Structures are given as C-alpha cells and as structure tokens.
Amino acid sequence: MPDIEAVAAAICEAAQTEILPRFRSLQAHEIKEKSPGDLVTVADLEAEQTLNRALSELLPGSVLVGEEAVAENPKLLQALRTEPVCWLVDPIDGTINFAHGVPLFATMVALIIAGETVCRWIYDLVHD
C-alpha cells in the first residue's frame, strides 16, 4: 500500500500543473468529442499521463486504467479483474463542465487491489 499522503500530493500536482492552468483558457482545437456528448480535452490527456507516471513510481508494477486510455482501448478494463494492483483514474470527472468553464469538476483516483477498491481520492482543485 502506498503512502496515502504521497498519492494525494501526486494527484494535486498533476491537477495543478496539467488541469488548472487550462481552466477557462482552452482553445477550440484542445477539445474533442470522443463520442456524441462525451468530450476529452488536452488537459484530460496530459493529466492522465502525468498521473500514470507518478502513480507507477509510487507503486511499481501497478497498472493504470485511465478513462482516456480506456476510450482508446476498452480491453484495458479487464485489468481491473486480472491484475493484482490497479489504479482507476478519471483525470477530469466533469469534462463538459471543465470545457465550458463551469467550476464543477474533480480529479478522481481509486486504488484497486485484487479486485477490491481499498482507497479512493477525489480532488476538487477549483475549491481547494
């Protein structure tokens, strides 16, 4: 089990460096539609990559199952059942709000061991 505070710090760092600077300043080309009504932004993608690196360092050998990676490869969801240790990450829960400048979104992370959620973090970076 990783240090809970270290995980929280990694989440805060990713949100503060990849998400918050882009809030209310996204350009049109930085917002795409994954499927009808489901948006993804450059901030989602960059934050997920940053979290992947940070969480992998905190818990070597763990697998990151991120919303944006799953959108590209749905088979990644199988890792939640087959891998001993996984991180489930939604870099921006509320991307539509984020993309439209509405301050109702958060970064969500869960640690899953042997198929069971053992810890979860929700970071409301706008209201921190």
N, C-alpha and C. Protein backbone atom coordinates (compact mmCIF):
# COMPACT_ATOMS: atom_id res chain seq x y z
N MET A 1 0.85 -1.19 0.00
CA MET A 1 0.00 0.00 0.00
C MET A 1 0.90 1.24 0.00
N PRO A 2 0.66 2.15 -0.94
CA PRO A 2 1.48 3.37 -0.98
C PRO A 2 1.08 4.33 0.14
N ASP A 3 1.93 5.29 0.39
CA ASP A 3 1.65 6.34 1.36
C ASP A 3 0.48 7.17 0.84
N ILE A 4 -0.60 7.23 1.61
CA ILE A 4 -1.82 7.92 1.20
C ILE A 4 -1.55 9.40 0.91
N GLU A 5 -0.73 10.02 1.73
CA GLU A 5 -0.41 11.44 1.52
C GLU A 5 0.41 11.64 0.25
N ALA A 6 1.28 10.70 -0.07
CA ALA A 6 2.08 10.81 -1.30
C ALA A 6 1.18 10.70 -2.53
N VAL A 7 0.18 9.85 -2.46
CA VAL A 7 -0.77 9.73 -3.56
C VAL A 7 -1.54 11.04 -3.71
N ALA A 8 -2.03 11.57 -2.59
CA ALA A 8 -2.76 12.84 -2.63
C ALA A 8 -1.90 13.95 -3.22
N ALA A 9 -0.64 13.98 -2.84
CA ALA A 9 0.27 15.01 -3.37
C ALA A 9 0.47 14.84 -4.88
N ALA A 10 0.58 13.61 -5.35
CA ALA A 10 0.74 13.37 -6.79
C ALA A 10 -0.50 13.81 -7.56
N ILE A 11 -1.66 13.55 -7.00
CA ILE A 11 -2.92 13.97 -7.63
C ILE A 11 -2.99 15.49 -7.69
N CYS A 12 -2.69 16.13 -6.58
CA CYS A 12 -2.71 17.60 -6.53
C CYS A 12 -1.73 18.20 -7.53
N GLU A 13 -0.54 17.64 -7.59
CA GLU A 13 0.48 18.15 -8.51
C GLU A 13 0.02 18.03 -9.96
N ALA A 14 -0.51 16.88 -10.33
CA ALA A 14 -0.99 16.70 -11.71
C ALA A 14 -2.13 17.67 -12.02
N ALA A 15 -3.04 17.83 -11.09
CA ALA A 15 -4.16 18.74 -11.30
C ALA A 15 -3.71 20.19 -11.40
N GLN A 16 -2.79 20.57 -10.53
CA GLN A 16 -2.31 21.96 -10.51
C GLN A 16 -1.47 22.29 -11.74
N THR A 17 -0.75 21.32 -12.28
CA THR A 17 0.12 21.62 -13.42
C THR A 17 -0.54 21.36 -14.78
N GLU A 18 -1.42 20.37 -14.86
CA GLU A 18 -1.99 20.00 -16.16
C GLU A 18 -3.43 20.46 -16.38
N ILE A 19 -4.19 20.61 -15.29
CA ILE A 19 -5.61 20.93 -15.44
C ILE A 19 -5.90 22.40 -15.15
N LEU A 20 -5.58 22.85 -13.98
CA LEU A 20 -5.95 24.19 -13.56
C LEU A 20 -5.46 25.29 -14.51
N PRO A 21 -4.22 25.23 -15.02
CA PRO A 21 -3.79 26.29 -15.93
C PRO A 21 -4.62 26.38 -17.22
N ARG A 22 -5.30 25.28 -17.57
CA ARG A 22 -6.10 25.26 -18.80
C ARG A 22 -7.58 25.60 -18.54
N PHE A 23 -7.95 25.70 -17.28
CA PHE A 23 -9.35 26.01 -16.96
C PHE A 23 -9.69 27.41 -17.46
N ARG A 24 -10.74 27.47 -18.23
CA ARG A 24 -11.22 28.72 -18.85
C ARG A 24 -10.23 29.31 -19.85
N SER A 25 -9.29 28.52 -20.32
CA SER A 25 -8.36 29.04 -21.33
C SER A 25 -8.11 28.03 -22.46
N LEU A 26 -8.95 27.02 -22.57
CA LEU A 26 -8.80 26.03 -23.65
C LEU A 26 -9.11 26.67 -25.00
N GLN A 27 -8.36 26.27 -25.99
CA GLN A 27 -8.63 26.67 -27.37
C GLN A 27 -9.51 25.59 -28.00
N ALA A 28 -10.23 25.94 -29.05
CA ALA A 28 -11.15 25.01 -29.69
C ALA A 28 -10.46 23.71 -30.10
N HIS A 29 -9.23 23.79 -30.60
CA HIS A 29 -8.52 22.59 -31.05
C HIS A 29 -8.07 21.70 -29.88
N GLU A 30 -8.21 22.17 -28.65
CA GLU A 30 -7.82 21.39 -27.47
C GLU A 30 -9.00 20.61 -26.88
N ILE A 31 -10.15 20.68 -27.54
CA ILE A 31 -11.35 19.97 -27.10
C ILE A 31 -11.82 19.09 -28.25
N LYS A 32 -12.03 17.82 -27.96
CA LYS A 32 -12.51 16.89 -28.98
C LYS A 32 -13.68 16.09 -28.42
N GLU A 33 -14.45 15.50 -29.32
CA GLU A 33 -15.57 14.67 -28.91
C GLU A 33 -15.17 13.20 -29.10
N LYS A 34 -15.14 12.44 -27.98
CA LYS A 34 -14.80 11.00 -28.06
C LYS A 34 -15.95 10.24 -28.70
N SER A 35 -17.14 10.61 -28.28
CA SER A 35 -18.38 10.05 -28.80
C SER A 35 -19.43 11.14 -28.60
N PRO A 36 -20.60 11.00 -29.20
CA PRO A 36 -21.59 12.08 -29.07
C PRO A 36 -21.85 12.46 -27.60
N GLY A 37 -21.58 13.73 -27.31
CA GLY A 37 -21.81 14.25 -25.96
C GLY A 37 -20.73 13.95 -24.95
N ASP A 38 -19.67 13.27 -25.36
CA ASP A 38 -18.58 12.88 -24.45
C ASP A 38 -17.29 13.55 -24.90
N LEU A 39 -16.87 14.57 -24.16
CA LEU A 39 -15.70 15.36 -24.55
C LEU A 39 -14.42 14.86 -23.89
N VAL A 40 -13.32 15.17 -24.55
CA VAL A 40 -11.99 14.98 -23.98
C VAL A 40 -11.19 16.23 -24.33
N THR A 41 -10.37 16.67 -23.39
CA THR A 41 -9.55 17.85 -23.63
C THR A 41 -8.08 17.48 -23.50
N VAL A 42 -7.24 18.38 -23.96
CA VAL A 42 -5.80 18.18 -23.80
C VAL A 42 -5.46 18.05 -22.32
N ALA A 43 -6.20 18.73 -21.46
CA ALA A 43 -5.95 18.64 -20.02
C ALA A 43 -6.23 17.23 -19.49
N ASP A 44 -7.30 16.59 -19.98
CA ASP A 44 -7.59 15.20 -19.59
C ASP A 44 -6.41 14.30 -19.95
N LEU A 45 -5.97 14.42 -21.18
CA LEU A 45 -4.90 13.55 -21.69
C LEU A 45 -3.58 13.77 -20.96
N GLU A 46 -3.20 15.02 -20.79
CA GLU A 46 -1.93 15.32 -20.12
C GLU A 46 -1.97 14.93 -18.64
N ALA A 47 -3.08 15.20 -17.97
CA ALA A 47 -3.19 14.85 -16.55
C ALA A 47 -3.14 13.33 -16.37
N GLU A 48 -3.81 12.59 -17.26
CA GLU A 48 -3.78 11.13 -17.15
C GLU A 48 -2.36 10.60 -17.34
N GLN A 49 -1.62 11.14 -18.29
CA GLN A 49 -0.24 10.71 -18.50
C GLN A 49 0.64 11.05 -17.29
N THR A 50 0.45 12.24 -16.74
CA THR A 50 1.23 12.65 -15.57
C THR A 50 0.91 11.76 -14.38
N LEU A 51 -0.37 11.46 -14.17
CA LEU A 51 -0.76 10.57 -13.07
C LEU A 51 -0.22 9.16 -13.29
N ASN A 52 -0.23 8.71 -14.52
CA ASN A 52 0.30 7.37 -14.82
C ASN A 52 1.75 7.27 -14.36
N ARG A 53 2.56 8.26 -14.72
CA ARG A 53 3.97 8.23 -14.32
C ARG A 53 4.12 8.30 -12.79
N ALA A 54 3.41 9.23 -12.17
CA ALA A 54 3.55 9.44 -10.72
C ALA A 54 3.07 8.24 -9.92
N LEU A 55 1.92 7.69 -10.28
CA LEU A 55 1.36 6.57 -9.52
C LEU A 55 2.18 5.30 -9.74
N SER A 56 2.72 5.13 -10.93
CA SER A 56 3.59 3.98 -11.20
C SER A 56 4.87 4.04 -10.37
N GLU A 57 5.37 5.24 -10.15
CA GLU A 57 6.55 5.39 -9.29
C GLU A 57 6.23 5.07 -7.84
N LEU A 58 5.03 5.44 -7.39
CA LEU A 58 4.64 5.18 -6.01
C LEU A 58 4.36 3.71 -5.75
N LEU A 59 3.91 3.01 -6.78
CA LEU A 59 3.58 1.59 -6.63
C LEU A 59 4.04 0.85 -7.88
N PRO A 60 5.35 0.56 -7.96
CA PRO A 60 5.89 -0.11 -9.14
C PRO A 60 5.16 -1.43 -9.42
N GLY A 61 4.93 -1.67 -10.70
CA GLY A 61 4.24 -2.89 -11.11
C GLY A 61 2.73 -2.75 -11.17
N SER A 62 2.21 -1.64 -10.69
CA SER A 62 0.77 -1.42 -10.75
C SER A 62 0.37 -1.03 -12.17
N VAL A 63 -0.90 -1.22 -12.48
CA VAL A 63 -1.43 -0.91 -13.81
C VAL A 63 -2.40 0.26 -13.68
N LEU A 64 -2.27 1.24 -14.57
CA LEU A 64 -3.19 2.37 -14.56
C LEU A 64 -4.28 2.15 -15.60
N VAL A 65 -5.52 2.22 -15.14
CA VAL A 65 -6.68 2.13 -16.02
C VAL A 65 -7.31 3.52 -16.01
N GLY A 66 -7.00 4.29 -17.04
CA GLY A 66 -7.48 5.66 -17.12
C GLY A 66 -8.62 5.79 -18.09
N GLU A 67 -9.51 6.73 -17.82
CA GLU A 67 -10.67 6.93 -18.68
C GLU A 67 -10.27 7.16 -20.13
N GLU A 68 -9.27 7.97 -20.34
CA GLU A 68 -8.88 8.30 -21.71
C GLU A 68 -8.20 7.12 -22.40
N ALA A 69 -7.40 6.37 -21.68
CA ALA A 69 -6.77 5.18 -22.25
C ALA A 69 -7.82 4.13 -22.59
N VAL A 70 -8.83 3.98 -21.74
CA VAL A 70 -9.90 3.01 -21.99
C VAL A 70 -10.72 3.42 -23.21
N ALA A 71 -10.89 4.72 -23.42
CA ALA A 71 -11.61 5.18 -24.60
C ALA A 71 -10.89 4.73 -25.87
N GLU A 72 -9.58 4.68 -25.82
CA GLU A 72 -8.78 4.22 -26.96
C GLU A 72 -8.70 2.70 -27.04
N ASN A 73 -8.69 2.03 -25.87
CA ASN A 73 -8.54 0.58 -25.82
C ASN A 73 -9.42 0.02 -24.70
N PRO A 74 -10.69 -0.27 -24.99
CA PRO A 74 -11.62 -0.75 -23.96
C PRO A 74 -11.17 -2.03 -23.24
N LYS A 75 -10.29 -2.81 -23.86
CA LYS A 75 -9.82 -4.05 -23.22
C LYS A 75 -9.02 -3.77 -21.95
N LEU A 76 -8.56 -2.53 -21.78
CA LEU A 76 -7.83 -2.18 -20.55
C LEU A 76 -8.68 -2.40 -19.30
N LEU A 77 -10.00 -2.31 -19.45
CA LEU A 77 -10.88 -2.53 -18.29
C LEU A 77 -10.70 -3.91 -17.68
N GLN A 78 -10.29 -4.88 -18.48
CA GLN A 78 -10.08 -6.24 -17.97
C GLN A 78 -9.03 -6.27 -16.87
N ALA A 79 -8.11 -5.33 -16.90
CA ALA A 79 -7.05 -5.29 -15.88
C ALA A 79 -7.63 -5.15 -14.48
N LEU A 80 -8.79 -4.53 -14.36
CA LEU A 80 -9.40 -4.37 -13.03
C LEU A 80 -9.73 -5.72 -12.40
N ARG A 81 -9.93 -6.74 -13.24
CA ARG A 81 -10.23 -8.08 -12.73
C ARG A 81 -9.02 -9.00 -12.75
N THR A 82 -8.07 -8.72 -13.64
CA THR A 82 -6.98 -9.67 -13.84
C THR A 82 -5.65 -9.27 -13.20
N GLU A 83 -5.44 -7.98 -13.00
CA GLU A 83 -4.17 -7.51 -12.44
C GLU A 83 -4.28 -7.41 -10.92
N PRO A 84 -3.22 -7.73 -10.19
CA PRO A 84 -3.30 -7.68 -8.73
C PRO A 84 -3.45 -6.27 -8.17
N VAL A 85 -2.84 -5.28 -8.82
CA VAL A 85 -2.90 -3.90 -8.30
C VAL A 85 -3.16 -2.95 -9.47
N CYS A 86 -4.24 -2.18 -9.36
CA CYS A 86 -4.60 -1.22 -10.41
C CYS A 86 -4.95 0.14 -9.81
N TRP A 87 -4.71 1.15 -10.59
CA TRP A 87 -5.21 2.49 -10.31
C TRP A 87 -6.32 2.75 -11.32
N LEU A 88 -7.46 3.21 -10.86
CA LEU A 88 -8.55 3.62 -11.74
C LEU A 88 -8.58 5.15 -11.69
N VAL A 89 -8.42 5.79 -12.85
CA VAL A 89 -8.24 7.24 -12.88
C VAL A 89 -9.22 7.90 -13.83
N ASP A 90 -9.88 8.93 -13.34
CA ASP A 90 -10.64 9.85 -14.17
C ASP A 90 -10.00 11.21 -13.95
N PRO A 91 -9.15 11.65 -14.88
CA PRO A 91 -8.40 12.88 -14.64
C PRO A 91 -9.28 14.11 -14.46
N ILE A 92 -10.37 14.18 -15.22
CA ILE A 92 -11.33 15.27 -15.04
C ILE A 92 -12.72 14.66 -15.07
N ASP A 93 -13.28 14.42 -13.90
CA ASP A 93 -14.66 13.97 -13.81
C ASP A 93 -15.51 15.23 -13.93
N GLY A 94 -16.23 15.34 -15.03
CA GLY A 94 -16.97 16.56 -15.32
C GLY A 94 -16.31 17.35 -16.43
N THR A 95 -15.81 16.64 -17.44
CA THR A 95 -15.09 17.31 -18.53
C THR A 95 -15.97 18.33 -19.25
N ILE A 96 -17.25 18.05 -19.41
CA ILE A 96 -18.13 19.02 -20.08
C ILE A 96 -18.15 20.33 -19.30
N ASN A 97 -18.29 20.24 -17.99
CA ASN A 97 -18.24 21.46 -17.17
C ASN A 97 -16.89 22.16 -17.34
N PHE A 98 -15.81 21.41 -17.23
CA PHE A 98 -14.46 21.96 -17.37
C PHE A 98 -14.31 22.69 -18.71
N ALA A 99 -14.72 22.03 -19.78
CA ALA A 99 -14.57 22.60 -21.12
C ALA A 99 -15.39 23.87 -21.32
N HIS A 100 -16.49 23.98 -20.57
CA HIS A 100 -17.35 25.16 -20.69
C HIS A 100 -17.09 26.19 -19.59
N GLY A 101 -16.03 26.00 -18.82
CA GLY A 101 -15.67 26.99 -17.81
C GLY A 101 -16.50 26.96 -16.55
N VAL A 102 -17.21 25.86 -16.32
CA VAL A 102 -18.04 25.71 -15.12
C VAL A 102 -17.19 25.02 -14.06
N PRO A 103 -17.04 25.62 -12.88
CA PRO A 103 -16.12 25.06 -11.87
C PRO A 103 -16.69 23.89 -11.06
N LEU A 104 -17.28 22.95 -11.76
CA LEU A 104 -17.83 21.75 -11.11
C LEU A 104 -17.21 20.52 -11.77
N PHE A 105 -16.01 20.19 -11.35
CA PHE A 105 -15.29 19.02 -11.85
C PHE A 105 -14.25 18.64 -10.81
N ALA A 106 -13.72 17.44 -10.93
CA ALA A 106 -12.73 16.96 -9.96
C ALA A 106 -11.84 15.90 -10.61
N THR A 107 -10.73 15.62 -9.96
CA THR A 107 -9.86 14.51 -10.36
C THR A 107 -10.15 13.36 -9.40
N MET A 108 -10.40 12.18 -9.96
CA MET A 108 -10.75 11.02 -9.15
C MET A 108 -9.78 9.87 -9.41
N VAL A 109 -9.33 9.25 -8.32
CA VAL A 109 -8.40 8.13 -8.39
C VAL A 109 -8.83 7.08 -7.37
N ALA A 110 -8.77 5.82 -7.77
CA ALA A 110 -9.04 4.72 -6.84
C ALA A 110 -7.91 3.71 -6.95
N LEU A 111 -7.55 3.13 -5.82
CA LEU A 111 -6.57 2.05 -5.77
C LEU A 111 -7.34 0.75 -5.59
N ILE A 112 -7.12 -0.18 -6.51
CA ILE A 112 -7.84 -1.45 -6.51
C ILE A 112 -6.82 -2.57 -6.35
N ILE A 113 -6.99 -3.35 -5.30
CA ILE A 113 -6.10 -4.49 -5.04
C ILE A 113 -6.95 -5.76 -5.04
N ALA A 114 -6.56 -6.71 -5.87
CA ALA A 114 -7.27 -7.99 -6.00
C ALA A 114 -8.76 -7.77 -6.26
N GLY A 115 -9.06 -6.79 -7.11
CA GLY A 115 -10.45 -6.54 -7.49
C GLY A 115 -11.27 -5.74 -6.51
N GLU A 116 -10.69 -5.33 -5.39
CA GLU A 116 -11.40 -4.57 -4.37
C GLU A 116 -10.84 -3.16 -4.27
N THR A 117 -11.72 -2.18 -4.22
CA THR A 117 -11.29 -0.80 -4.01
C THR A 117 -10.88 -0.65 -2.56
N VAL A 118 -9.61 -0.29 -2.34
CA VAL A 118 -9.11 -0.17 -0.97
C VAL A 118 -8.92 1.28 -0.54
N CYS A 119 -8.86 2.18 -1.51
CA CYS A 119 -8.71 3.60 -1.18
C CYS A 119 -9.13 4.42 -2.39
N ARG A 120 -9.66 5.61 -2.13
CA ARG A 120 -10.02 6.48 -3.25
C ARG A 120 -9.80 7.93 -2.86
N TRP A 121 -9.52 8.73 -3.86
CA TRP A 121 -9.25 10.15 -3.68
C TRP A 121 -10.10 10.94 -4.65
N ILE A 122 -10.67 12.05 -4.19
CA ILE A 122 -11.39 12.98 -5.05
C ILE A 122 -10.82 14.36 -4.74
N TYR A 123 -10.30 15.01 -5.77
CA TYR A 123 -9.67 16.31 -5.58
C TYR A 123 -10.45 17.37 -6.35
N ASP A 124 -11.08 18.26 -5.61
CA ASP A 124 -11.81 19.40 -6.17
C ASP A 124 -10.84 20.57 -6.22
N LEU A 125 -10.09 20.65 -7.30
CA LEU A 125 -8.99 21.61 -7.36
C LEU A 125 -9.43 23.06 -7.42
N VAL A 126 -10.60 23.34 -7.95
CA VAL A 126 -11.05 24.73 -8.02
C VAL A 126 -11.38 25.27 -6.63
N HIS A 127 -11.91 24.41 -5.78
CA HIS A 127 -12.35 24.85 -4.45
C HIS A 127 -11.38 24.47 -3.35
N ASP A 128 -10.16 24.05 -3.70
CA ASP A 128 -9.16 23.65 -2.70
C ASP A 128 -8.63 24.88 -1.98
